């Protein structure tokens, strides 16, 4: 048919997108070079727009960590030495709501100033799978903001995270919220019983993310690492500590406490902690043995002279 058409005088002329109204455009290398550069909220990790997550096991400090990141973004200051873009941040607190007053008080005590004016809290129930909730939340969020949902499980309490269909519905709702606000949505999520397998639930969750941070709490040191960065570098691991603050006394005379985040400067160059459950258990036993042994030798092999050791 092609040869016959050529014999009859047909010429194979390129059809432009403009002449046909086609939505697809073929880009050259020159076209790509002229595109604007990638914009970041947290440089190299979380994009300016999209869907991101911070996940980790229970009691790993992930809520304290994401609160600290949210405050840094609202001020536009570096976070663990990483540049942020100043933005309005809305923290949807669905887990541990009663402790957020103390969390804010601890941050203000540690930093000697009030919480930034661009950091807001939402304490009412919010269901990401209810379209009316998504629309109502988006209506009070300034365009281009960052919305942190803590946690995904509390935002979708009746959904089966392991179901491809139901996880797909959750992700569609999250993306709808992201489109309505024209900004970034960060989900706080848990790992499963086997923490080595990453975020809990169907694999489509991790695949849909534009960026992700994993929080770990092995035997000796909390840390966060870049689990996914579409246009950045993943694998970076950063140790941190929870700094406790006494805020006062309750009606029974007991101390009211909360925590803030602080980098673990002494362990910046420490080797990554093991992820396997057996290895973590073994390391924990070794650490406890060294701490409880008053006669533990120090400076063995290549260890520093003041480092407690065991054979």
C-alpha atoms as a PDB file:
ATOM      1  CA  UNK A   1       0.000   0.000   0.000  1.00  0.00           C
ATOM      2  CA  UNK A   2       2.908   2.314   0.847  1.00  0.00           C
ATOM      3  CA  UNK A   3       4.640   1.663  -2.528  1.00  0.00           C
ATOM      4  CA  UNK A   4       1.388   2.076  -4.450  1.00  0.00           C
ATOM      5  CA  UNK A   5       0.733   5.415  -2.755  1.00  0.00           C
ATOM      6  CA  UNK A   6       4.239   6.583  -3.649  1.00  0.00           C
ATOM      7  CA  UNK A   7       3.684   5.610  -7.303  1.00  0.00           C
ATOM      8  CA  UNK A   8       0.532   7.741  -7.353  1.00  0.00           C
ATOM      9  CA  UNK A   9       2.489  10.775  -6.135  1.00  0.00           C
ATOM     10  CA  UNK A  10       1.891  10.669  -2.364  1.00  0.00           C
ATOM     11  CA  UNK A  11       4.661  12.311  -0.359  1.00  0.00           C
ATOM     12  CA  UNK A  12       5.518  11.275   3.218  1.00  0.00           C
ATOM     13  CA  UNK A  13       5.378  14.642   4.928  1.00  0.00           C
ATOM     14  CA  UNK A  14       5.630  15.009   8.711  1.00  0.00           C
ATOM     15  CA  UNK A  15       2.347  16.024  10.322  1.00  0.00           C
ATOM     16  CA  UNK A  16       2.842  18.599  13.044  1.00  0.00           C
ATOM     17  CA  UNK A  17       0.975  18.560  16.340  1.00  0.00           C
ATOM     18  CA  UNK A  18      -0.290  22.087  15.629  1.00  0.00           C
ATOM     19  CA  UNK A  19      -1.963  21.058  12.360  1.00  0.00           C
ATOM     20  CA  UNK A  20      -3.809  18.126  13.921  1.00  0.00           C
ATOM     21  CA  UNK A  21      -4.508  19.491  17.399  1.00  0.00           C
ATOM     22  CA  UNK A  22      -2.677  16.487  18.869  1.00  0.00           C
ATOM     23  CA  UNK A  23      -1.766  16.903  22.555  1.00  0.00           C
ATOM     24  CA  UNK A  24       1.539  15.037  22.150  1.00  0.00           C
ATOM     25  CA  UNK A  25       4.699  16.877  21.155  1.00  0.00           C
ATOM     26  CA  UNK A  26       7.990  15.377  20.088  1.00  0.00           C
ATOM     27  CA  UNK A  27      10.827  17.038  21.997  1.00  0.00           C
ATOM     28  CA  UNK A  28      14.415  17.262  20.837  1.00  0.00           C
ATOM     29  CA  UNK A  29      17.501  17.423  23.025  1.00  0.00           C
ATOM     30  CA  UNK A  30      17.491  21.192  22.583  1.00  0.00           C
ATOM     31  CA  UNK A  31      13.859  21.335  23.760  1.00  0.00           C
ATOM     32  CA  UNK A  32      14.743  19.382  26.917  1.00  0.00           C
ATOM     33  CA  UNK A  33      17.675  21.656  27.698  1.00  0.00           C
ATOM     34  CA  UNK A  34      15.377  24.679  27.609  1.00  0.00           C
ATOM     35  CA  UNK A  35      12.957  23.197  30.161  1.00  0.00           C
ATOM     36  CA  UNK A  36      13.045  24.762  33.655  1.00  0.00           C
ATOM     37  CA  UNK A  37      15.160  22.922  36.259  1.00  0.00           C
ATOM     38  CA  UNK A  38      13.614  20.641  38.892  1.00  0.00           C
ATOM     39  CA  UNK A  39      12.294  22.558  41.903  1.00  0.00           C
ATOM     40  CA  UNK A  40      12.608  21.125  45.417  1.00  0.00           C
ATOM     41  CA  UNK A  41      11.000  21.525  48.838  1.00  0.00           C
ATOM     42  CA  UNK A  42      13.829  19.484  50.392  1.00  0.00           C
ATOM     43  CA  UNK A  43      16.657  19.602  47.876  1.00  0.00           C
ATOM     44  CA  UNK A  44      17.422  16.287  46.219  1.00  0.00           C
ATOM     45  CA  UNK A  45      14.745  14.427  48.207  1.00  0.00           C
ATOM     46  CA  UNK A  46      11.231  15.944  48.142  1.00  0.00           C
ATOM     47  CA  UNK A  47      10.106  17.758  44.949  1.00  0.00           C
ATOM     48  CA  UNK A  48       8.217  21.059  44.986  1.00  0.00           C
ATOM     49  CA  UNK A  49       5.050  19.306  43.788  1.00  0.00           C
ATOM     50  CA  UNK A  50       4.026  15.685  44.077  1.00  0.00           C
ATOM     51  CA  UNK A  51       3.459  12.881  46.562  1.00  0.00           C
ATOM     52  CA  UNK A  52       6.066  11.898  49.147  1.00  0.00           C
ATOM     53  CA  UNK A  53       6.280   9.808  52.307  1.00  0.00           C
ATOM     54  CA  UNK A  54       8.226   9.351  55.503  1.00  0.00           C
ATOM     55  CA  UNK A  55       7.911   5.859  56.951  1.00  0.00           C
ATOM     56  CA  UNK A  56       9.350   3.797  59.770  1.00  0.00           C
ATOM     57  CA  UNK A  57       8.495   1.479  62.678  1.00  0.00           C
ATOM     58  CA  UNK A  58       6.512   2.560  65.733  1.00  0.00           C
ATOM     59  CA  UNK A  59       8.449   4.575  68.339  1.00  0.00           C
ATOM     60  CA  UNK A  60      11.212   5.323  65.824  1.00  0.00           C
ATOM     61  CA  UNK A  61      10.742   9.085  66.167  1.00  0.00           C
ATOM     62  CA  UNK A  62       9.228   9.635  62.720  1.00  0.00           C
ATOM     63  CA  UNK A  63       6.516  12.057  63.928  1.00  0.00           C
ATOM     64  CA  UNK A  64       9.116  14.183  65.753  1.00  0.00           C
ATOM     65  CA  UNK A  65      11.300  14.069  62.640  1.00  0.00           C
ATOM     66  CA  UNK A  66       8.588  15.127  60.191  1.00  0.00           C
ATOM     67  CA  UNK A  67       7.442  17.891  62.571  1.00  0.00           C
ATOM     68  CA  UNK A  68      11.013  19.182  62.660  1.00  0.00           C
ATOM     69  CA  UNK A  69      11.188  19.054  58.851  1.00  0.00           C
ATOM     70  CA  UNK A  70       7.844  20.839  58.557  1.00  0.00           C
ATOM     71  CA  UNK A  71       9.060  23.689  60.764  1.00  0.00           C
ATOM     72  CA  UNK A  72      12.284  23.951  58.735  1.00  0.00           C
ATOM     73  CA  UNK A  73      10.316  24.208  55.466  1.00  0.00           C
ATOM     74  CA  UNK A  74       7.974  26.820  56.963  1.00  0.00           C
ATOM     75  CA  UNK A  75      11.032  28.921  57.845  1.00  0.00           C
ATOM     76  CA  UNK A  76      13.010  28.110  54.699  1.00  0.00           C
ATOM     77  CA  UNK A  77      16.086  27.080  56.706  1.00  0.00           C
ATOM     78  CA  UNK A  78      18.436  24.150  56.122  1.00  0.00           C
ATOM     79  CA  UNK A  79      17.427  20.791  57.598  1.00  0.00           C
ATOM     80  CA  UNK A  80      20.358  18.519  58.507  1.00  0.00           C
ATOM     81  CA  UNK A  81      22.421  20.698  56.179  1.00  0.00           C
ATOM     82  CA  UNK A  82      19.963  20.262  53.270  1.00  0.00           C
ATOM     83  CA  UNK A  83      18.400  23.310  51.646  1.00  0.00           C
ATOM     84  CA  UNK A  84      14.624  23.803  51.869  1.00  0.00           C
ATOM     85  CA  UNK A  85      12.236  26.099  50.005  1.00  0.00           C
ATOM     86  CA  UNK A  86      10.186  28.348  52.313  1.00  0.00           C
ATOM     87  CA  UNK A  87       6.544  27.295  52.108  1.00  0.00           C
ATOM     88  CA  UNK A  88       3.362  27.254  54.134  1.00  0.00           C
ATOM     89  CA  UNK A  89       3.057  23.903  55.948  1.00  0.00           C
ATOM     90  CA  UNK A  90      -0.187  22.328  57.173  1.00  0.00           C
ATOM     91  CA  UNK A  91       0.277  19.422  59.585  1.00  0.00           C
ATOM     92  CA  UNK A  92      -2.789  17.137  59.751  1.00  0.00           C
ATOM     93  CA  UNK A  93      -2.317  15.428  63.137  1.00  0.00           C
ATOM     94  CA  UNK A  94      -4.408  12.260  63.248  1.00  0.00           C
ATOM     95  CA  UNK A  95      -2.234  10.233  65.640  1.00  0.00           C
ATOM     96  CA  UNK A  96      -1.098  11.362  69.087  1.00  0.00           C
ATOM     97  CA  UNK A  97      -3.099  14.572  68.808  1.00  0.00           C
ATOM     98  CA  UNK A  98      -3.036  15.214  72.559  1.00  0.00           C
ATOM     99  CA  UNK A  99       0.774  15.347  72.579  1.00  0.00           C
ATOM    100  CA  UNK A 100       1.141  18.031  69.922  1.00  0.00           C
ATOM    101  CA  UNK A 101       0.682  20.881  72.378  1.00  0.00           C
ATOM    102  CA  UNK A 102       3.678  19.548  74.311  1.00  0.00           C
ATOM    103  CA  UNK A 103       5.596  18.950  71.083  1.00  0.00           C
ATOM    104  CA  UNK A 104       5.168  22.585  70.062  1.00  0.00           C
ATOM    105  CA  UNK A 105       6.087  23.756  73.575  1.00  0.00           C
ATOM    106  CA  UNK A 106       9.255  21.615  73.504  1.00  0.00           C
ATOM    107  CA  UNK A 107      10.280  23.037  70.106  1.00  0.00           C
ATOM    108  CA  UNK A 108       9.723  26.620  71.300  1.00  0.00           C
ATOM    109  CA  UNK A 109      11.670  25.935  74.506  1.00  0.00           C
ATOM    110  CA  UNK A 110      14.570  24.379  72.614  1.00  0.00           C
ATOM    111  CA  UNK A 111      14.712  27.125  69.960  1.00  0.00           C
ATOM    112  CA  UNK A 112      13.882  30.123  72.156  1.00  0.00           C
ATOM    113  CA  UNK A 113      11.159  31.463  69.863  1.00  0.00           C
ATOM    114  CA  UNK A 114       7.546  30.887  68.839  1.00  0.00           C
ATOM    115  CA  UNK A 115       6.485  28.416  66.177  1.00  0.00           C
ATOM    116  CA  UNK A 116       6.777  30.008  62.691  1.00  0.00           C
ATOM    117  CA  UNK A 117       3.670  31.814  61.459  1.00  0.00           C
ATOM    118  CA  UNK A 118       3.594  29.649  58.294  1.00  0.00           C
ATOM    119  CA  UNK A 119       3.276  26.398  60.289  1.00  0.00           C
ATOM    120  CA  UNK A 120      -0.344  25.357  60.889  1.00  0.00           C
ATOM    121  CA  UNK A 121      -1.994  22.369  62.588  1.00  0.00           C
ATOM    122  CA  UNK A 122      -5.247  20.570  61.724  1.00  0.00           C
ATOM    123  CA  UNK A 123      -6.574  18.453  64.606  1.00  0.00           C
ATOM    124  CA  UNK A 124     -10.004  17.418  63.282  1.00  0.00           C
ATOM    125  CA  UNK A 125     -10.611  13.892  61.858  1.00  0.00           C
ATOM    126  CA  UNK A 126      -9.722  13.606  58.170  1.00  0.00           C
ATOM    127  CA  UNK A 127     -10.426  10.680  55.825  1.00  0.00           C
ATOM    128  CA  UNK A 128      -8.376  10.772  52.645  1.00  0.00           C
ATOM    129  CA  UNK A 129     -10.812   8.367  50.959  1.00  0.00           C
ATOM    130  CA  UNK A 130     -13.798  10.689  51.470  1.00  0.00           C
ATOM    131  CA  UNK A 131     -13.997  13.129  48.525  1.00  0.00           C
ATOM    132  CA  UNK A 132     -15.793  15.736  50.632  1.00  0.00           C
ATOM    133  CA  UNK A 133     -12.986  15.710  53.221  1.00  0.00           C
ATOM    134  CA  UNK A 134     -10.366  16.165  50.502  1.00  0.00           C
ATOM    135  CA  UNK A 135     -12.249  19.112  48.988  1.00  0.00           C
ATOM    136  CA  UNK A 136     -12.865  20.797  52.361  1.00  0.00           C
ATOM    137  CA  UNK A 137      -9.236  20.452  53.449  1.00  0.00           C
ATOM    138  CA  UNK A 138      -7.965  21.761  50.107  1.00  0.00           C
ATOM    139  CA  UNK A 139     -10.290  24.762  50.446  1.00  0.00           C
ATOM    140  CA  UNK A 140      -8.471  26.037  53.559  1.00  0.00           C
ATOM    141  CA  UNK A 141      -4.947  25.252  52.320  1.00  0.00           C
ATOM    142  CA  UNK A 142      -3.111  28.078  50.521  1.00  0.00           C
ATOM    143  CA  UNK A 143      -2.016  27.196  46.991  1.00  0.00           C
ATOM    144  CA  UNK A 144       1.481  25.785  46.735  1.00  0.00           C
ATOM    145  CA  UNK A 145       1.573  24.572  50.341  1.00  0.00           C
ATOM    146  CA  UNK A 146       2.955  21.396  51.899  1.00  0.00           C
ATOM    147  CA  UNK A 147       0.376  19.144  53.574  1.00  0.00           C
ATOM    148  CA  UNK A 148       1.656  16.497  56.024  1.00  0.00           C
ATOM    149  CA  UNK A 149      -0.789  13.681  56.837  1.00  0.00           C
ATOM    150  CA  UNK A 150       0.138  11.843  60.062  1.00  0.00           C
ATOM    151  CA  UNK A 151      -0.601   8.952  59.622  1.00  0.00           C
ATOM    152  CA  UNK A 152      -1.857   7.283  56.437  1.00  0.00           C
ATOM    153  CA  UNK A 153      -3.409   4.494  58.497  1.00  0.00           C
ATOM    154  CA  UNK A 154      -5.504   6.974  60.500  1.00  0.00           C
ATOM    155  CA  UNK A 155      -6.463   8.848  57.326  1.00  0.00           C
ATOM    156  CA  UNK A 156      -7.744   5.616  55.719  1.00  0.00           C
ATOM    157  CA  UNK A 157      -8.768   3.501  58.747  1.00  0.00           C
ATOM    158  CA  UNK A 158     -11.170   1.178  56.931  1.00  0.00           C
ATOM    159  CA  UNK A 159      -9.009   0.518  53.868  1.00  0.00           C
ATOM    160  CA  UNK A 160      -6.957  -2.620  53.288  1.00  0.00           C
ATOM    161  CA  UNK A 161      -3.412  -1.388  52.661  1.00  0.00           C
ATOM    162  CA  UNK A 162      -2.454  -4.749  51.140  1.00  0.00           C
ATOM    163  CA  UNK A 163      -5.201  -4.598  48.517  1.00  0.00           C
ATOM    164  CA  UNK A 164      -4.120  -3.319  45.112  1.00  0.00           C
ATOM    165  CA  UNK A 165      -7.592  -1.876  44.483  1.00  0.00           C
ATOM    166  CA  UNK A 166      -7.961  -0.110  47.823  1.00  0.00           C
ATOM    167  CA  UNK A 167      -4.393   1.183  47.850  1.00  0.00           C
ATOM    168  CA  UNK A 168      -5.052   2.512  44.351  1.00  0.00           C
ATOM    169  CA  UNK A 169      -8.083   4.389  45.670  1.00  0.00           C
ATOM    170  CA  UNK A 170      -6.010   5.859  48.507  1.00  0.00           C
ATOM    171  CA  UNK A 171      -3.318   7.022  46.106  1.00  0.00           C
ATOM    172  CA  UNK A 172      -5.857   8.562  43.722  1.00  0.00           C
ATOM    173  CA  UNK A 173      -7.330  10.556  46.626  1.00  0.00           C
ATOM    174  CA  UNK A 174      -3.855  11.682  47.716  1.00  0.00           C
ATOM    175  CA  UNK A 175      -3.042  12.812  44.184  1.00  0.00           C
ATOM    176  CA  UNK A 176      -6.354  14.635  43.970  1.00  0.00           C
ATOM    177  CA  UNK A 177      -5.495  16.544  47.153  1.00  0.00           C
ATOM    178  CA  UNK A 178      -2.065  17.309  45.703  1.00  0.00           C
ATOM    179  CA  UNK A 179      -3.562  18.654  42.476  1.00  0.00           C
ATOM    180  CA  UNK A 180      -6.106  20.791  44.334  1.00  0.00           C
ATOM    181  CA  UNK A 181      -3.458  22.493  46.471  1.00  0.00           C
ATOM    182  CA  UNK A 182      -0.855  22.643  43.694  1.00  0.00           C
ATOM    183  CA  UNK A 183       1.817  21.603  46.162  1.00  0.00           C
ATOM    184  CA  UNK A 184       3.343  18.654  47.988  1.00  0.00           C
ATOM    185  CA  UNK A 185       1.562  16.000  50.075  1.00  0.00           C
ATOM    186  CA  UNK A 186       3.718  14.046  52.550  1.00  0.00           C
ATOM    187  CA  UNK A 187       2.273  10.864  54.062  1.00  0.00           C
ATOM    188  CA  UNK A 188       3.531   9.438  57.358  1.00  0.00           C
ATOM    189  CA  UNK A 189       3.380   5.658  57.213  1.00  0.00           C
ATOM    190  CA  UNK A 190       4.464   2.585  59.142  1.00  0.00           C
ATOM    191  CA  UNK A 191       6.710  -0.297  58.214  1.00  0.00           C
ATOM    192  CA  UNK A 192       5.434  -3.849  58.644  1.00  0.00           C
ATOM    193  CA  UNK A 193       6.590  -6.491  61.126  1.00  0.00           C
ATOM    194  CA  UNK A 194       9.564  -7.152  58.859  1.00  0.00           C
ATOM    195  CA  UNK A 195      11.138  -3.695  58.725  1.00  0.00           C
ATOM    196  CA  UNK A 196      13.569  -4.798  56.005  1.00  0.00           C
ATOM    197  CA  UNK A 197      10.699  -4.799  53.498  1.00  0.00           C
ATOM    198  CA  UNK A 198      10.135  -1.063  53.799  1.00  0.00           C
ATOM    199  CA  UNK A 199       6.757   0.679  53.890  1.00  0.00           C
ATOM    200  CA  UNK A 200       3.765  -1.414  54.887  1.00  0.00           C
ATOM    201  CA  UNK A 201       1.074  -2.330  52.370  1.00  0.00           C
ATOM    202  CA  UNK A 202       0.830  -2.939  48.633  1.00  0.00           C
ATOM    203  CA  UNK A 203       3.922  -2.272  46.501  1.00  0.00           C
ATOM    204  CA  UNK A 204       2.003   0.304  44.453  1.00  0.00           C
ATOM    205  CA  UNK A 205       2.331   2.719  47.397  1.00  0.00           C
ATOM    206  CA  UNK A 206       6.106   3.011  47.142  1.00  0.00           C
ATOM    207  CA  UNK A 207       5.991   3.019  43.330  1.00  0.00           C
ATOM    208  CA  UNK A 208       3.670   6.059  43.310  1.00  0.00           C
ATOM    209  CA  UNK A 209       5.938   8.232  45.460  1.00  0.00           C
ATOM    210  CA  UNK A 210       8.066  11.064  44.094  1.00  0.00           C
ATOM    211  CA  UNK A 211      10.305  10.913  47.157  1.00  0.00           C
ATOM    212  CA  UNK A 212      10.578   8.956  50.401  1.00  0.00           C
ATOM    213  CA  UNK A 213      12.491   9.006  53.690  1.00  0.00           C
ATOM    214  CA  UNK A 214      12.860   5.882  55.815  1.00  0.00           C
ATOM    215  CA  UNK A 215      13.355   6.148  59.573  1.00  0.00           C
ATOM    216  CA  UNK A 216      15.124   3.329  61.399  1.00  0.00           C
ATOM    217  CA  UNK A 217      15.665   2.508  65.042  1.00  0.00           C
ATOM    218  CA  UNK A 218      18.094  -0.407  65.280  1.00  0.00           C
ATOM    219  CA  UNK A 219      19.860  -1.507  68.447  1.00  0.00           C
ATOM    220  CA  UNK A 220      22.050   1.526  69.028  1.00  0.00           C
ATOM    221  CA  UNK A 221      21.094   4.616  66.958  1.00  0.00           C
ATOM    222  CA  UNK A 222      18.070   6.235  65.309  1.00  0.00           C
ATOM    223  CA  UNK A 223      18.665   7.349  61.736  1.00  0.00           C
ATOM    224  CA  UNK A 224      16.867   8.477  58.598  1.00  0.00           C
ATOM    225  CA  UNK A 225      17.840   7.702  55.036  1.00  0.00           C
ATOM    226  CA  UNK A 226      16.715   8.621  51.545  1.00  0.00           C
ATOM    227  CA  UNK A 227      14.641   5.638  50.433  1.00  0.00           C
ATOM    228  CA  UNK A 228      13.572   7.168  47.112  1.00  0.00           C
ATOM    229  CA  UNK A 229      14.422  10.304  45.178  1.00  0.00           C
ATOM    230  CA  UNK A 230      13.280  10.325  41.545  1.00  0.00           C
ATOM    231  CA  UNK A 231      15.679  13.041  40.462  1.00  0.00           C
ATOM    232  CA  UNK A 232      18.078  12.955  43.388  1.00  0.00           C
ATOM    233  CA  UNK A 233      20.412  10.548  45.130  1.00  0.00           C
ATOM    234  CA  UNK A 234      19.095   7.918  47.509  1.00  0.00           C
ATOM    235  CA  UNK A 235      20.894   5.804  50.090  1.00  0.00           C
ATOM    236  CA  UNK A 236      22.162   8.667  52.288  1.00  0.00           C
ATOM    237  CA  UNK A 237      21.841   7.773  55.999  1.00  0.00           C
ATOM    238  CA  UNK A 238      21.797  10.415  58.743  1.00  0.00           C
ATOM    239  CA  UNK A 239      21.780   9.595  62.500  1.00  0.00           C
ATOM    240  CA  UNK A 240      19.685  11.679  64.889  1.00  0.00           C
ATOM    241  CA  UNK A 241      18.649  11.749  68.535  1.00  0.00           C
ATOM    242  CA  UNK A 242      15.555  12.717  70.506  1.00  0.00           C
ATOM    243  CA  UNK A 243      16.308  15.472  73.013  1.00  0.00           C
ATOM    244  CA  UNK A 244      13.961  15.363  76.008  1.00  0.00           C
ATOM    245  CA  UNK A 245      12.576  18.543  77.607  1.00  0.00           C
ATOM    246  CA  UNK A 246      10.761  18.976  80.927  1.00  0.00           C
ATOM    247  CA  UNK A 247       7.825  21.330  80.367  1.00  0.00           C
ATOM    248  CA  UNK A 248       6.389  21.385  83.877  1.00  0.00           C
ATOM    249  CA  UNK A 249       4.426  19.231  86.315  1.00  0.00           C
ATOM    250  CA  UNK A 250       0.968  17.703  85.955  1.00  0.00           C
ATOM    251  CA  UNK A 251      -1.770  17.582  88.614  1.00  0.00           C
ATOM    252  CA  UNK A 252      -0.093  14.551  90.230  1.00  0.00           C
ATOM    253  CA  UNK A 253       3.293  16.254  90.446  1.00  0.00           C
ATOM    254  CA  UNK A 254       4.812  14.169  87.658  1.00  0.00           C
ATOM    255  CA  UNK A 255       6.996  15.754  84.988  1.00  0.00           C
ATOM    256  CA  UNK A 256       5.440  16.721  81.660  1.00  0.00           C
ATOM    257  CA  UNK A 257       7.972  15.994  78.913  1.00  0.00           C
ATOM    258  CA  UNK A 258       8.299  16.048  75.155  1.00  0.00           C
ATOM    259  CA  UNK A 259      11.121  15.818  72.633  1.00  0.00           C
ATOM    260  CA  UNK A 260      12.830  17.662  69.828  1.00  0.00           C
ATOM    261  CA  UNK A 261      15.180  16.433  67.107  1.00  0.00           C
ATOM    262  CA  UNK A 262      18.921  16.931  67.219  1.00  0.00           C
ATOM    263  CA  UNK A 263      21.606  15.584  64.843  1.00  0.00           C
ATOM    264  CA  UNK A 264      23.853  12.886  66.308  1.00  0.00           C
ATOM    265  CA  UNK A 265      27.110  14.657  65.461  1.00  0.00           C
ATOM    266  CA  UNK A 266      29.293  12.007  67.076  1.00  0.00           C
ATOM    267  CA  UNK A 267      27.969   9.313  64.794  1.00  0.00           C
ATOM    268  CA  UNK A 268      27.918  11.056  61.415  1.00  0.00           C
ATOM    269  CA  UNK A 269      30.551   8.684  60.037  1.00  0.00           C
ATOM    270  CA  UNK A 270      29.276   5.573  61.814  1.00  0.00           C
ATOM    271  CA  UNK A 271      28.705   2.477  59.737  1.00  0.00           C
ATOM    272  CA  UNK A 272      25.053   1.746  58.830  1.00  0.00           C
ATOM    273  CA  UNK A 273      23.226  -0.353  61.391  1.00  0.00           C
ATOM    274  CA  UNK A 274      22.176  -3.885  60.345  1.00  0.00           C
ATOM    275  CA  UNK A 275      18.603  -4.291  59.128  1.00  0.00           C
ATOM    276  CA  UNK A 276      18.139  -8.007  59.761  1.00  0.00           C
ATOM    277  CA  UNK A 277      16.172  -8.846  62.922  1.00  0.00           C
ATOM    278  CA  UNK A 278      18.697 -11.446  64.091  1.00  0.00           C
ATOM    279  CA  UNK A 279      21.621  -9.093  63.528  1.00  0.00           C
ATOM    280  CA  UNK A 280      19.833  -6.265  65.372  1.00  0.00           C
ATOM    281  CA  UNK A 281      19.144  -8.568  68.326  1.00  0.00           C
ATOM    282  CA  UNK A 282      22.776  -9.688  68.439  1.00  0.00           C
ATOM    283  CA  UNK A 283      24.071  -6.114  68.301  1.00  0.00           C
ATOM    284  CA  UNK A 284      21.696  -5.062  71.073  1.00  0.00           C
ATOM    285  CA  UNK A 285      22.940  -7.875  73.338  1.00  0.00           C
ATOM    286  CA  UNK A 286      26.563  -6.916  72.656  1.00  0.00           C
ATOM    287  CA  UNK A 287      25.876  -3.240  73.429  1.00  0.00           C
ATOM    288  CA  UNK A 288      24.090  -4.112  76.689  1.00  0.00           C
ATOM    289  CA  UNK A 289      26.940  -6.443  77.694  1.00  0.00           C
ATOM    290  CA  UNK A 290      29.541  -3.710  77.159  1.00  0.00           C
ATOM    291  CA  UNK A 291      27.469  -1.111  79.048  1.00  0.00           C
ATOM    292  CA  UNK A 292      26.921  -3.415  82.038  1.00  0.00           C
ATOM    293  CA  UNK A 293      30.513  -4.644  82.246  1.00  0.00           C
ATOM    294  CA  UNK A 294      32.634  -2.318  84.442  1.00  0.00           C
ATOM    295  CA  UNK A 295      35.818  -4.116  83.409  1.00  0.00           C
ATOM    296  CA  UNK A 296      35.245  -4.038  79.658  1.00  0.00           C
ATOM    297  CA  UNK A 297      38.601  -3.544  77.873  1.00  0.00           C
ATOM    298  CA  UNK A 298      39.055  -0.505  75.631  1.00  0.00           C
ATOM    299  CA  UNK A 299      41.059   0.299  72.540  1.00  0.00           C
ATOM    300  CA  UNK A 300      41.277  -3.252  71.175  1.00  0.00           C
ATOM    301  CA  UNK A 301      42.337  -3.789  67.560  1.00  0.00           C
ATOM    302  CA  UNK A 302      41.809  -0.498  65.658  1.00  0.00           C
ATOM    303  CA  UNK A 303      39.212   0.968  68.071  1.00  0.00           C
ATOM    304  CA  UNK A 304      39.931   4.371  69.655  1.00  0.00           C
ATOM    305  CA  UNK A 305      41.631   4.210  73.061  1.00  0.00           C
ATOM    306  CA  UNK A 306      38.487   5.246  74.974  1.00  0.00           C
ATOM    307  CA  UNK A 307      36.101   2.869  73.167  1.00  0.00           C
ATOM    308  CA  UNK A 308      34.807  -0.024  75.285  1.00  0.00           C
ATOM    309  CA  UNK A 309      35.238  -3.378  73.579  1.00  0.00           C
ATOM    310  CA  UNK A 310      34.621  -7.094  73.992  1.00  0.00           C
ATOM    311  CA  UNK A 311      36.174 -10.156  72.420  1.00  0.00           C
END
